[in-house]
């Protein structure tokens, strides 16, 4: 009996990582594969040697190989994953960039920006996921026309995992998929933190280039739980031009720039920059003043990613579950695509010239 390594790798690719739900070959968990006659040995790299489901995973590996080579002697060893990988993103190692969309106050169009940014990045060819972390006011189900939908639950070695819903090929998770549309969310800090961690730890996310996280306004438990749970590549701040919005946005921005948090600001999106009537596309009426986005970008030593005007079609698209970036209205679509392109450039620059963000130990 001649044992081929390629067939062993093919067999192991059918074994799932209990943490992510992805196959262990794709997750680079199989190391030091050695074939000596009928003896097969390899190492499965784990985030912790006391990881739950470790025994089930080892037996699944043995079973997969023995199905192909029944007479083989299979030896499975365990080792710790690379230390740097554990510090950067052991929770979602198959997600390259986690981007938070934040604001200092509500009502500035943060969720609208997050949804259209995610779909804009996808239109540029990226693999994108979206988390609605605004647990008290989850609006993304409405914006994507997914009201009343429920995610499926998949069993992975005895552990229940949530399968995010899909919209236009993009995975989406929201509190709105778990509760009834009219149901009030009444949660204290620890429960809020538990839900956020579940969105990352207990959901089966596909390999992604970008995972967009739509945060609630302010600087509360959700924001702190986020940076403690996963390494956030960077934050996009959303504001309107007016001074009262800018004042709150500065506070939200400064939370991420605290030495104990230290998450980079990728840029600023100024929403509701001016009003443009559909019948007068060249006219601009500055209802909320001017310059707020540029001021915030200057204060955070970053760039203005784009200005989004007030256009009636943006509101209609959000209410109808068909985000404006997918529609035919050129002014709004161009504005959001410009934001997506500039965000993509900023992420590339950030990753080229700065070290990966680490999960932080926030003591507040």
Foldseek 3Di string as FASTA:
>chain_A
DDDDPVQLLVLQQVQADLFQRGGQVVVVQWADWDDDPLETEIEGADQDPPDPCPVVRVVSSVVSNCVVVVPHHYYYHYDHDDPVLSFAFNLCSLEAAEEEEAFLAPDLCRVLLLVLLQVLLVVVPWQEEEEELAQQDRQLCQLQVNQPAAWDWDARSNDTATEADDGPNYGYYYNRNVDHPPDGDDDDLVVSLVVLLNVRRRYNDDRGHYYYYYHHHRDDSSNLSVLQRHFHQAYEYEFEQAPVRLVSRLRVVVVCCPPQNVGAHLFYEHEQQFAAEPVRNVDTHRPRDHDSRVVSCVVRVHYHQFYAHDYPVQVVSSNNSHHPLNDDSPRRVVGSSSSNVSSVVSSVVSPVPHDRGGRGDDDD
